[in-house]
PDB file of N, CA and C in Angstrom:
ATOM      1  N   MET A   1       0.847  -1.153   0.022  1.00  0.00           N
ATOM      2  CA  MET A   1       0.010   0.010  -0.050  1.00  0.00           C
ATOM      3  C   MET A   1       0.855   1.266  -0.050  1.00  0.00           C
ATOM      4  N   VAL A   2       0.561   2.170  -0.865  1.00  0.00           N
ATOM      5  CA  VAL A   2       1.429   3.388  -0.960  1.00  0.00           C
ATOM      6  C   VAL A   2       0.611   4.521  -0.301  1.00  0.00           C
ATOM      7  N   PHE A   3       1.334   5.250   0.544  1.00  0.00           N
ATOM      8  CA  PHE A   3       0.743   6.368   1.211  1.00  0.00           C
ATOM      9  C   PHE A   3       0.924   7.612   0.373  1.00  0.00           C
ATOM     10  N   VAL A   4      -0.071   8.416   0.137  1.00  0.00           N
ATOM     11  CA  VAL A   4      -0.003   9.671  -0.654  1.00  0.00           C
ATOM     12  C   VAL A   4      -0.686  10.716   0.219  1.00  0.00           C
ATOM     13  N   SER A   5       0.173  11.696   0.515  1.00  0.00           N
ATOM     14  CA  SER A   5      -0.361  12.854   1.407  1.00  0.00           C
ATOM     15  C   SER A   5      -1.562  13.573   0.746  1.00  0.00           C
ATOM     16  N   ASN A   6      -2.367  14.253   1.445  1.00  0.00           N
ATOM     17  CA  ASN A   6      -3.427  15.109   0.940  1.00  0.00           C
ATOM     18  C   ASN A   6      -2.965  16.202  -0.017  1.00  0.00           C
ATOM     19  N   THR A   7      -1.814  16.703   0.337  1.00  0.00           N
ATOM     20  CA  THR A   7      -1.224  17.807  -0.554  1.00  0.00           C
ATOM     21  C   THR A   7      -0.895  17.281  -1.903  1.00  0.00           C
ATOM     22  N   VAL A   8      -0.240  16.055  -1.970  1.00  0.00           N
ATOM     23  CA  VAL A   8       0.071  15.499  -3.237  1.00  0.00           C
ATOM     24  C   VAL A   8      -1.167  15.101  -3.986  1.00  0.00           C
ATOM     25  N   LYS A   9      -2.165  14.521  -3.288  1.00  0.00           N
ATOM     26  CA  LYS A   9      -3.472  14.170  -3.962  1.00  0.00           C
ATOM     27  C   LYS A   9      -4.068  15.417  -4.554  1.00  0.00           C
ATOM     28  N   HIS A  10      -4.058  16.542  -3.874  1.00  0.00           N
ATOM     29  CA  HIS A  10      -4.742  17.800  -4.234  1.00  0.00           C
ATOM     30  C   HIS A  10      -3.844  18.325  -5.498  1.00  0.00           C
ATOM     31  N   SER A  11      -2.555  18.209  -5.425  1.00  0.00           N
ATOM     32  CA  SER A  11      -1.784  18.688  -6.565  1.00  0.00           C
ATOM     33  C   SER A  11      -1.944  17.884  -7.807  1.00  0.00           C
ATOM     34  N   LEU A  12      -2.059  16.537  -7.659  1.00  0.00           N
ATOM     35  CA  LEU A  12      -2.442  15.700  -8.781  1.00  0.00           C
ATOM     36  C   LEU A  12      -3.673  15.946  -9.351  1.00  0.00           C
ATOM     37  N   MET A  13      -4.745  16.254  -8.578  1.00  0.00           N
ATOM     38  CA  MET A  13      -6.142  16.503  -9.053  1.00  0.00           C
ATOM     39  C   MET A  13      -6.068  17.918  -9.790  1.00  0.00           C
ATOM     40  N   MET A  14      -5.315  18.892  -9.206  1.00  0.00           N
ATOM     41  CA  MET A  14      -5.221  20.179  -9.896  1.00  0.00           C
ATOM     42  C   MET A  14      -4.556  19.995 -11.277  1.00  0.00           C
ATOM     43  N   ASN A  15      -3.518  19.240 -11.310  1.00  0.00           N
ATOM     44  CA  ASN A  15      -2.800  19.075 -12.611  1.00  0.00           C
ATOM     45  C   ASN A  15      -3.682  18.291 -13.622  1.00  0.00           C
ATOM     46  N   ASP A  16      -4.444  17.350 -13.159  1.00  0.00           N
ATOM     47  CA  ASP A  16      -5.389  16.581 -14.019  1.00  0.00           C
ATOM     48  C   ASP A  16      -6.392  17.517 -14.550  1.00  0.00           C
ATOM     49  N   HIS A  17      -6.975  18.450 -13.662  1.00  0.00           N
ATOM     50  CA  HIS A  17      -7.972  19.417 -14.148  1.00  0.00           C
ATOM     51  C   HIS A  17      -7.440  20.338 -15.139  1.00  0.00           C
ATOM     52  N   ARG A  18      -6.208  20.769 -14.860  1.00  0.00           N
ATOM     53  CA  ARG A  18      -5.626  21.796 -15.820  1.00  0.00           C
ATOM     54  C   ARG A  18      -5.323  21.075 -17.214  1.00  0.00           C
ATOM     55  N   ALA A  19      -4.991  19.791 -17.192  1.00  0.00           N
ATOM     56  CA  ALA A  19      -4.733  19.089 -18.455  1.00  0.00           C
ATOM     57  C   ALA A  19      -6.000  18.935 -19.251  1.00  0.00           C
ATOM     58  N   ARG A  20      -7.210  18.828 -18.586  1.00  0.00           N
ATOM     59  CA  ARG A  20      -8.419  18.706 -19.237  1.00  0.00           C
ATOM     60  C   ARG A  20      -9.025  20.050 -19.574  1.00  0.00           C
ATOM     61  N   ALA A  21      -8.476  21.058 -19.053  1.00  0.00           N
ATOM     62  CA  ALA A  21      -9.077  22.432 -19.268  1.00  0.00           C
ATOM     63  C   ALA A  21      -8.829  22.938 -20.675  1.00  0.00           C
ATOM     64  N   SER A  22      -9.633  23.880 -21.087  1.00  0.00           N
ATOM     65  CA  SER A  22      -9.510  24.507 -22.395  1.00  0.00           C
ATOM     66  C   SER A  22      -8.298  25.324 -22.406  1.00  0.00           C
ATOM     67  N   PRO A  23      -7.747  25.702 -23.631  1.00  0.00           N
ATOM     68  CA  PRO A  23      -6.557  26.520 -23.695  1.00  0.00           C
ATOM     69  C   PRO A  23      -6.735  27.806 -22.935  1.00  0.00           C
ATOM     70  N   GLN A  24      -7.906  28.352 -22.924  1.00  0.00           N
ATOM     71  CA  GLN A  24      -8.188  29.656 -22.297  1.00  0.00           C
ATOM     72  C   GLN A  24      -8.071  29.484 -20.793  1.00  0.00           C
ATOM     73  N   GLU A  25      -8.698  28.363 -20.302  1.00  0.00           N
ATOM     74  CA  GLU A  25      -8.561  28.074 -18.860  1.00  0.00           C
ATOM     75  C   GLU A  25      -7.165  27.895 -18.408  1.00  0.00           C
ATOM     76  N   ARG A  26      -6.393  27.199 -19.185  1.00  0.00           N
ATOM     77  CA  ARG A  26      -5.007  26.837 -18.784  1.00  0.00           C
ATOM     78  C   ARG A  26      -4.221  28.152 -18.751  1.00  0.00           C
ATOM     79  N   SER A  27      -4.440  29.202 -19.466  1.00  0.00           N
ATOM     80  CA  SER A  27      -3.712  30.413 -19.519  1.00  0.00           C
ATOM     81  C   SER A  27      -4.096  31.251 -18.335  1.00  0.00           C
ATOM     82  N   MET A  28      -5.196  30.983 -17.669  1.00  0.00           N
ATOM     83  CA  MET A  28      -5.598  31.918 -16.603  1.00  0.00           C
ATOM     84  C   MET A  28      -4.861  31.477 -15.366  1.00  0.00           C
ATOM     85  N   PRO A  29      -4.431  32.449 -14.594  1.00  0.00           N
ATOM     86  CA  PRO A  29      -3.721  32.136 -13.266  1.00  0.00           C
ATOM     87  C   PRO A  29      -4.642  31.328 -12.400  1.00  0.00           C
ATOM     88  N   ARG A  30      -4.064  30.517 -11.559  1.00  0.00           N
ATOM     89  CA  ARG A  30      -4.784  29.735 -10.493  1.00  0.00           C
ATOM     90  C   ARG A  30      -4.790  30.380  -9.203  1.00  0.00           C
ATOM     91  N   TYR A  31      -4.429  31.626  -9.160  1.00  0.00           N
ATOM     92  CA  TYR A  31      -4.188  32.286  -7.899  1.00  0.00           C
ATOM     93  C   TYR A  31      -4.665  33.814  -8.043  1.00  0.00           C
ATOM     94  N   THR A  32      -4.913  34.443  -6.899  1.00  0.00           N
ATOM     95  CA  THR A  32      -5.233  35.839  -6.911  1.00  0.00           C
ATOM     96  C   THR A  32      -4.056  36.656  -7.139  1.00  0.00           C
ATOM     97  N   GLU A  33      -4.213  37.929  -7.300  1.00  0.00           N
ATOM     98  CA  GLU A  33      -2.994  38.827  -7.511  1.00  0.00           C
ATOM     99  C   GLU A  33      -2.142  38.814  -6.195  1.00  0.00           C
ATOM    100  N   LYS A  34      -2.733  38.885  -5.103  1.00  0.00           N
ATOM    101  CA  LYS A  34      -2.026  38.859  -3.817  1.00  0.00           C
ATOM    102  C   LYS A  34      -1.275  37.598  -3.605  1.00  0.00           C
ATOM    103  N   GLN A  35      -1.969  36.386  -3.930  1.00  0.00           N
ATOM    104  CA  GLN A  35      -1.275  35.144  -3.702  1.00  0.00           C
ATOM    105  C   GLN A  35      -0.182  35.110  -4.779  1.00  0.00           C
ATOM    106  N   GLY A  36      -0.239  35.646  -5.941  1.00  0.00           N
ATOM    107  CA  GLY A  36       0.785  35.667  -6.907  1.00  0.00           C
ATOM    108  C   GLY A  36       1.982  36.362  -6.425  1.00  0.00           C
ATOM    109  N   GLN A  37       1.811  37.523  -5.727  1.00  0.00           N
ATOM    110  CA  GLN A  37       2.881  38.271  -5.106  1.00  0.00           C
ATOM    111  C   GLN A  37       3.663  37.456  -4.020  1.00  0.00           C
ATOM    112  N   TYR A  38       2.908  36.659  -3.199  1.00  0.00           N
ATOM    113  CA  TYR A  38       3.537  35.808  -2.245  1.00  0.00           C
ATOM    114  C   TYR A  38       4.297  34.694  -2.918  1.00  0.00           C
ATOM    115  N   LEU A  39       3.739  34.080  -3.957  1.00  0.00           N
ATOM    116  CA  LEU A  39       4.435  33.107  -4.676  1.00  0.00           C
ATOM    117  C   LEU A  39       5.743  33.629  -5.414  1.00  0.00           C
ATOM    118  N   ALA A  40       5.662  34.823  -5.929  1.00  0.00           N
ATOM    119  CA  ALA A  40       6.806  35.381  -6.576  1.00  0.00           C
ATOM    120  C   ALA A  40       7.863  35.674  -5.446  1.00  0.00           C
ATOM    121  N   PHE A  41       7.437  36.172  -4.333  1.00  0.00           N
ATOM    122  CA  PHE A  41       8.411  36.479  -3.269  1.00  0.00           C
ATOM    123  C   PHE A  41       9.113  35.198  -2.775  1.00  0.00           C
ATOM    124  N   ILE A  42       8.305  34.083  -2.624  1.00  0.00           N
ATOM    125  CA  ILE A  42       8.902  32.839  -2.240  1.00  0.00           C
ATOM    126  C   ILE A  42      10.031  32.434  -3.273  1.00  0.00           C
ATOM    127  N   TYR A  43       9.616  32.560  -4.552  1.00  0.00           N
ATOM    128  CA  TYR A  43      10.521  32.126  -5.641  1.00  0.00           C
ATOM    129  C   TYR A  43      11.803  32.913  -5.518  1.00  0.00           C
ATOM    130  N   TYR A  44      11.757  34.297  -5.542  1.00  0.00           N
ATOM    131  CA  TYR A  44      12.943  35.073  -5.604  1.00  0.00           C
ATOM    132  C   TYR A  44      13.744  34.959  -4.293  1.00  0.00           C
ATOM    133  N   TYR A  45      13.039  34.962  -3.104  1.00  0.00           N
ATOM    134  CA  TYR A  45      13.793  34.784  -1.857  1.00  0.00           C
ATOM    135  C   TYR A  45      14.635  33.546  -1.911  1.00  0.00           C
ATOM    136  N   THR A  46      14.003  32.461  -2.313  1.00  0.00           N
ATOM    137  CA  THR A  46      14.625  31.169  -2.352  1.00  0.00           C
ATOM    138  C   THR A  46      15.875  31.160  -3.318  1.00  0.00           C
ATOM    139  N   LYS A  47      15.657  31.779  -4.477  1.00  0.00           N
ATOM    140  CA  LYS A  47      16.703  31.865  -5.429  1.00  0.00           C
ATOM    141  C   LYS A  47      17.862  32.716  -4.948  1.00  0.00           C
ATOM    142  N   ILE A  48      17.655  33.728  -4.230  1.00  0.00           N
ATOM    143  CA  ILE A  48      18.668  34.666  -3.654  1.00  0.00           C
ATOM    144  C   ILE A  48      19.415  34.033  -2.445  1.00  0.00           C
ATOM    145  N   HIS A  49      18.635  33.428  -1.492  1.00  0.00           N
ATOM    146  CA  HIS A  49      19.120  33.080  -0.250  1.00  0.00           C
ATOM    147  C   HIS A  49      19.420  31.565  -0.171  1.00  0.00           C
ATOM    148  N   GLY A  50      18.976  30.742  -1.144  1.00  0.00           N
ATOM    149  CA  GLY A  50      19.214  29.338  -1.039  1.00  0.00           C
ATOM    150  C   GLY A  50      18.367  28.558  -0.083  1.00  0.00           C
ATOM    151  N   ARG A  51      17.252  29.217   0.391  1.00  0.00           N
ATOM    152  CA  ARG A  51      16.268  28.583   1.330  1.00  0.00           C
ATOM    153  C   ARG A  51      15.098  29.484   1.156  1.00  0.00           C
ATOM    154  N   SER A  52      13.906  28.780   1.622  1.00  0.00           N
ATOM    155  CA  SER A  52      12.683  29.491   1.453  1.00  0.00           C
ATOM    156  C   SER A  52      12.544  30.526   2.758  1.00  0.00           C
ATOM    157  N   PRO A  53      11.751  31.525   2.481  1.00  0.00           N
ATOM    158  CA  PRO A  53      11.542  32.476   3.510  1.00  0.00           C
ATOM    159  C   PRO A  53      10.705  31.972   4.641  1.00  0.00           C
ATOM    160  N   SER A  54      10.998  32.504   5.812  1.00  0.00           N
ATOM    161  CA  SER A  54      10.153  32.136   7.012  1.00  0.00           C
ATOM    162  C   SER A  54       8.941  32.969   6.945  1.00  0.00           C
ATOM    163  N   GLU A  55       7.851  32.598   7.650  1.00  0.00           N
ATOM    164  CA  GLU A  55       6.665  33.427   7.739  1.00  0.00           C
ATOM    165  C   GLU A  55       6.989  34.868   8.228  1.00  0.00           C
ATOM    166  N   ALA A  56       7.920  34.899   9.244  1.00  0.00           N
ATOM    167  CA  ALA A  56       8.364  36.248   9.742  1.00  0.00           C
ATOM    168  C   ALA A  56       9.013  37.106   8.629  1.00  0.00           C
ATOM    169  N   GLU A  57       9.716  36.626   7.770  1.00  0.00           N
ATOM    170  CA  GLU A  57      10.316  37.287   6.671  1.00  0.00           C
ATOM    171  C   GLU A  57       9.339  37.761   5.651  1.00  0.00           C
ATOM    172  N   MET A  58       8.238  36.980   5.424  1.00  0.00           N
ATOM    173  CA  MET A  58       7.174  37.380   4.533  1.00  0.00           C
ATOM    174  C   MET A  58       6.373  38.464   5.224  1.00  0.00           C
ATOM    175  N   GLN A  59       6.168  38.390   6.598  1.00  0.00           N
ATOM    176  CA  GLN A  59       5.411  39.369   7.270  1.00  0.00           C
ATOM    177  C   GLN A  59       6.173  40.768   7.138  1.00  0.00           C
ATOM    178  N   VAL A  60       7.436  40.743   7.273  1.00  0.00           N
ATOM    179  CA  VAL A  60       8.208  42.009   7.102  1.00  0.00           C
ATOM    180  C   VAL A  60       8.067  42.630   5.792  1.00  0.00           C
ATOM    181  N   TYR A  61       8.333  41.769   4.777  1.00  0.00           N
ATOM    182  CA  TYR A  61       8.211  42.244   3.301  1.00  0.00           C
ATOM    183  C   TYR A  61       6.920  42.822   3.021  1.00  0.00           C
ATOM    184  N   PHE A  62       5.762  42.116   3.341  1.00  0.00           N
ATOM    185  CA  PHE A  62       4.431  42.523   2.994  1.00  0.00           C
ATOM    186  C   PHE A  62       3.825  43.427   3.955  1.00  0.00           C
ATOM    187  N   GLY A  63       4.485  43.692   5.110  1.00  0.00           N
ATOM    188  CA  GLY A  63       3.909  44.623   6.164  1.00  0.00           C
ATOM    189  C   GLY A  63       2.568  44.174   6.643  1.00  0.00           C
ATOM    190  N   VAL A  64       2.458  42.870   6.890  1.00  0.00           N
ATOM    191  CA  VAL A  64       1.203  42.303   7.514  1.00  0.00           C
ATOM    192  C   VAL A  64       1.413  41.553   8.805  1.00  0.00           C
ATOM    193  N   THR A  65       0.402  41.152   9.420  1.00  0.00           N
ATOM    194  CA  THR A  65       0.397  40.487  10.736  1.00  0.00           C
ATOM    195  C   THR A  65       0.736  39.020  10.561  1.00  0.00           C
ATOM    196  N   PRO A  66       1.291  38.396  11.602  1.00  0.00           N
ATOM    197  CA  PRO A  66       1.599  36.984  11.560  1.00  0.00           C
ATOM    198  C   PRO A  66       0.495  36.097  11.116  1.00  0.00           C
ATOM    199  N   PRO A  67      -0.785  36.359  11.678  1.00  0.00           N
ATOM    200  CA  PRO A  67      -1.904  35.521  11.247  1.00  0.00           C
ATOM    201  C   PRO A  67      -2.194  35.675   9.794  1.00  0.00           C
ATOM    202  N   THR A  68      -1.993  36.904   9.183  1.00  0.00           N
ATOM    203  CA  THR A  68      -2.234  37.070   7.774  1.00  0.00           C
ATOM    204  C   THR A  68      -1.288  36.218   6.965  1.00  0.00           C
ATOM    205  N   VAL A  69       0.031  36.220   7.270  1.00  0.00           N
ATOM    206  CA  VAL A  69       0.864  35.476   6.544  1.00  0.00           C
ATOM    207  C   VAL A  69       0.621  33.984   6.744  1.00  0.00           C
ATOM    208  N   HIS A  70       0.303  33.529   7.903  1.00  0.00           N
ATOM    209  CA  HIS A  70       0.069  32.115   8.091  1.00  0.00           C
ATOM    210  C   HIS A  70      -1.241  31.644   7.313  1.00  0.00           C
ATOM    211  N   GLN A  71      -2.213  32.487   7.292  1.00  0.00           N
ATOM    212  CA  GLN A  71      -3.431  32.094   6.464  1.00  0.00           C
ATOM    213  C   GLN A  71      -3.095  32.013   5.001  1.00  0.00           C
ATOM    214  N   MET A  72      -2.295  32.984   4.541  1.00  0.00           N
ATOM    215  CA  MET A  72      -1.927  32.950   3.138  1.00  0.00           C
ATOM    216  C   MET A  72      -1.077  31.653   2.803  1.00  0.00           C
ATOM    217  N   VAL A  73      -0.201  31.237   3.670  1.00  0.00           N
ATOM    218  CA  VAL A  73       0.573  29.978   3.428  1.00  0.00           C
ATOM    219  C   VAL A  73      -0.355  28.834   3.482  1.00  0.00           C
ATOM    220  N   LEU A  74      -1.309  28.840   4.387  1.00  0.00           N
ATOM    221  CA  LEU A  74      -2.325  27.660   4.384  1.00  0.00           C
ATOM    222  C   LEU A  74      -3.077  27.673   3.127  1.00  0.00           C
ATOM    223  N   SER A  75      -3.541  28.829   2.655  1.00  0.00           N
ATOM    224  CA  SER A  75      -4.298  28.910   1.447  1.00  0.00           C
ATOM    225  C   SER A  75      -3.553  28.409   0.207  1.00  0.00           C
ATOM    226  N   LEU A  76      -2.251  28.871   0.133  1.00  0.00           N
ATOM    227  CA  LEU A  76      -1.430  28.512  -0.974  1.00  0.00           C
ATOM    228  C   LEU A  76      -1.226  27.005  -1.005  1.00  0.00           C
ATOM    229  N   GLU A  77      -1.049  26.484   0.221  1.00  0.00           N
ATOM    230  CA  GLU A  77      -0.934  24.966   0.278  1.00  0.00           C
ATOM    231  C   GLU A  77      -2.178  24.198  -0.027  1.00  0.00           C
ATOM    232  N   LYS A  78      -3.313  24.642   0.484  1.00  0.00           N
ATOM    233  CA  LYS A  78      -4.521  24.081   0.170  1.00  0.00           C
ATOM    234  C   LYS A  78      -4.916  24.061  -1.325  1.00  0.00           C
ATOM    235  N   ASN A  79      -4.432  25.172  -2.091  1.00  0.00           N
ATOM    236  CA  ASN A  79      -4.796  25.255  -3.484  1.00  0.00           C
ATOM    237  C   ASN A  79      -3.717  24.635  -4.295  1.00  0.00           C
ATOM    238  N   GLY A  80      -2.776  23.833  -3.671  1.00  0.00           N
ATOM    239  CA  GLY A  80      -1.804  23.057  -4.472  1.00  0.00           C
ATOM    240  C   GLY A  80      -0.726  23.947  -5.094  1.00  0.00           C
ATOM    241  N   LEU A  81      -0.469  25.106  -4.562  1.00  0.00           N
ATOM    242  CA  LEU A  81       0.530  26.042  -5.171  1.00  0.00           C
ATOM    243  C   LEU A  81       1.935  25.915  -4.597  1.00  0.00           C
ATOM    244  N   ILE A  82       1.930  25.433  -3.301  1.00  0.00           N
ATOM    245  CA  ILE A  82       3.135  25.254  -2.563  1.00  0.00           C
ATOM    246  C   ILE A  82       3.043  23.974  -1.761  1.00  0.00           C
ATOM    247  N   ALA A  83       4.154  23.412  -1.297  1.00  0.00           N
ATOM    248  CA  ALA A  83       4.130  22.304  -0.374  1.00  0.00           C
ATOM    249  C   ALA A  83       5.055  22.716   0.726  1.00  0.00           C
ATOM    250  N   ARG A  84       4.630  22.404   1.928  1.00  0.00           N
ATOM    251  CA  ARG A  84       5.418  22.681   3.145  1.00  0.00           C
ATOM    252  C   ARG A  84       6.137  21.401   3.574  1.00  0.00           C
ATOM    253  N   THR A  85       7.386  21.447   3.931  1.00  0.00           N
ATOM    254  CA  THR A  85       8.076  20.315   4.456  1.00  0.00           C
ATOM    255  C   THR A  85       8.378  20.511   5.932  1.00  0.00           C
ATOM    256  N   ALA A  86       8.954  19.500   6.531  1.00  0.00           N
ATOM    257  CA  ALA A  86       9.346  19.590   7.896  1.00  0.00           C
ATOM    258  C   ALA A  86      10.060  20.927   8.215  1.00  0.00           C
ATOM    259  N   GLY A  87       9.823  21.381   9.338  1.00  0.00           N
ATOM    260  CA  GLY A  87      10.416  22.709   9.654  1.00  0.00           C
ATOM    261  C   GLY A  87       9.600  23.795   9.019  1.00  0.00           C
ATOM    262  N   ARG A  88      10.294  24.717   8.342  1.00  0.00           N
ATOM    263  CA  ARG A  88       9.576  25.870   7.757  1.00  0.00           C
ATOM    264  C   ARG A  88       9.818  25.991   6.209  1.00  0.00           C
ATOM    265  N   SER A  89      10.382  24.906   5.668  1.00  0.00           N
ATOM    266  CA  SER A  89      10.665  24.937   4.240  1.00  0.00           C
ATOM    267  C   SER A  89       9.432  24.941   3.375  1.00  0.00           C
ATOM    268  N   ILE A  90       9.432  25.770   2.356  1.00  0.00           N
ATOM    269  CA  ILE A  90       8.303  25.905   1.402  1.00  0.00           C
ATOM    270  C   ILE A  90       8.867  25.611   0.017  1.00  0.00           C
ATOM    271  N   ARG A  91       8.170  24.791  -0.762  1.00  0.00           N
ATOM    272  CA  ARG A  91       8.537  24.419  -2.098  1.00  0.00           C
ATOM    273  C   ARG A  91       7.421  24.784  -3.019  1.00  0.00           C
ATOM    274  N   LEU A  92       7.797  25.617  -3.987  1.00  0.00           N
ATOM    275  CA  LEU A  92       6.806  25.987  -5.024  1.00  0.00           C
ATOM    276  C   LEU A  92       6.432  24.851  -5.901  1.00  0.00           C
ATOM    277  N   LEU A  93       5.141  24.695  -6.286  1.00  0.00           N
ATOM    278  CA  LEU A  93       4.656  23.632  -7.145  1.00  0.00           C
ATOM    279  C   LEU A  93       4.394  24.196  -8.507  1.00  0.00           C
ATOM    280  N   LEU A  94       4.756  25.378  -8.846  1.00  0.00           N
ATOM    281  CA  LEU A  94       4.516  26.072 -10.100  1.00  0.00           C
ATOM    282  C   LEU A  94       5.878  26.314 -10.739  1.00  0.00           C
ATOM    283  N   PRO A  95       5.956  26.180 -12.067  1.00  0.00           N
ATOM    284  CA  PRO A  95       7.268  26.576 -12.746  1.00  0.00           C
ATOM    285  C   PRO A  95       7.308  28.093 -12.787  1.00  0.00           C
ATOM    286  N   ARG A  96       8.490  28.576 -12.915  1.00  0.00           N
ATOM    287  CA  ARG A  96       8.674  30.100 -12.911  1.00  0.00           C
ATOM    288  C   ARG A  96       7.795  30.832 -13.904  1.00  0.00           C
ATOM    289  N   HIS A  97       7.689  30.226 -15.081  1.00  0.00           N
ATOM    290  CA  HIS A  97       6.886  30.945 -16.206  1.00  0.00           C
ATOM    291  C   HIS A  97       5.399  31.095 -15.730  1.00  0.00           C
ATOM    292  N   GLU A  98       4.931  30.444 -14.802  1.00  0.00           N
ATOM    293  CA  GLU A  98       3.511  30.669 -14.321  1.00  0.00           C
ATOM    294  C   GLU A  98       3.428  31.752 -13.208  1.00  0.00           C
ATOM    295  N   LEU A  99       4.561  32.272 -12.761  1.00  0.00           N
ATOM    296  CA  LEU A  99       4.561  33.214 -11.643  1.00  0.00           C
ATOM    297  C   LEU A  99       4.541  34.614 -12.215  1.00  0.00           C
ATOM    298  N   PRO A 100       3.880  35.568 -11.469  1.00  0.00           N
ATOM    299  CA  PRO A 100       3.996  36.974 -11.895  1.00  0.00           C
ATOM    300  C   PRO A 100       5.268  37.535 -11.481  1.00  0.00           C
ATOM    301  N   ASP A 101       5.581  38.777 -11.988  1.00  0.00           N
ATOM    302  CA  ASP A 101       6.762  39.531 -11.556  1.00  0.00           C
ATOM    303  C   ASP A 101       6.499  39.977 -10.148  1.00  0.00           C
ATOM    304  N   LEU A 102       7.495  40.090  -9.303  1.00  0.00           N
ATOM    305  CA  LEU A 102       7.339  40.660  -7.956  1.00  0.00           C
ATOM    306  C   LEU A 102       7.311  42.123  -8.085  1.00  0.00           C
ATOM    307  N   GLU A 103       6.285  42.692  -7.479  1.00  0.00           N
ATOM    308  CA  GLU A 103       6.162  44.264  -7.534  1.00  0.00           C
ATOM    309  C   GLU A 103       6.640  44.763  -6.266  1.00  0.00           C
TER     310      GLU A 103
END
């Protein structure tokens, strides 16, 4: 028996849905503008520092409260856009070309 986490299941379902979607649906972002900025921040921070940002580092960058950042991280994970690993590591589940520019 193979164990598959809920995050992986959700990601697989999202990928399957996108594969069956029309070309127009595939070109539409799967995230809000604000979520896109968090995803872009995670991408660039990881590229520059060699590790993903902490929630505290995202809080400082976006000028928001700790609960706001935590809810965003949970939302991104629920939507299959990121995966969290042991500790505080965050891994993007989108390729760079699907991310917006960081503003």
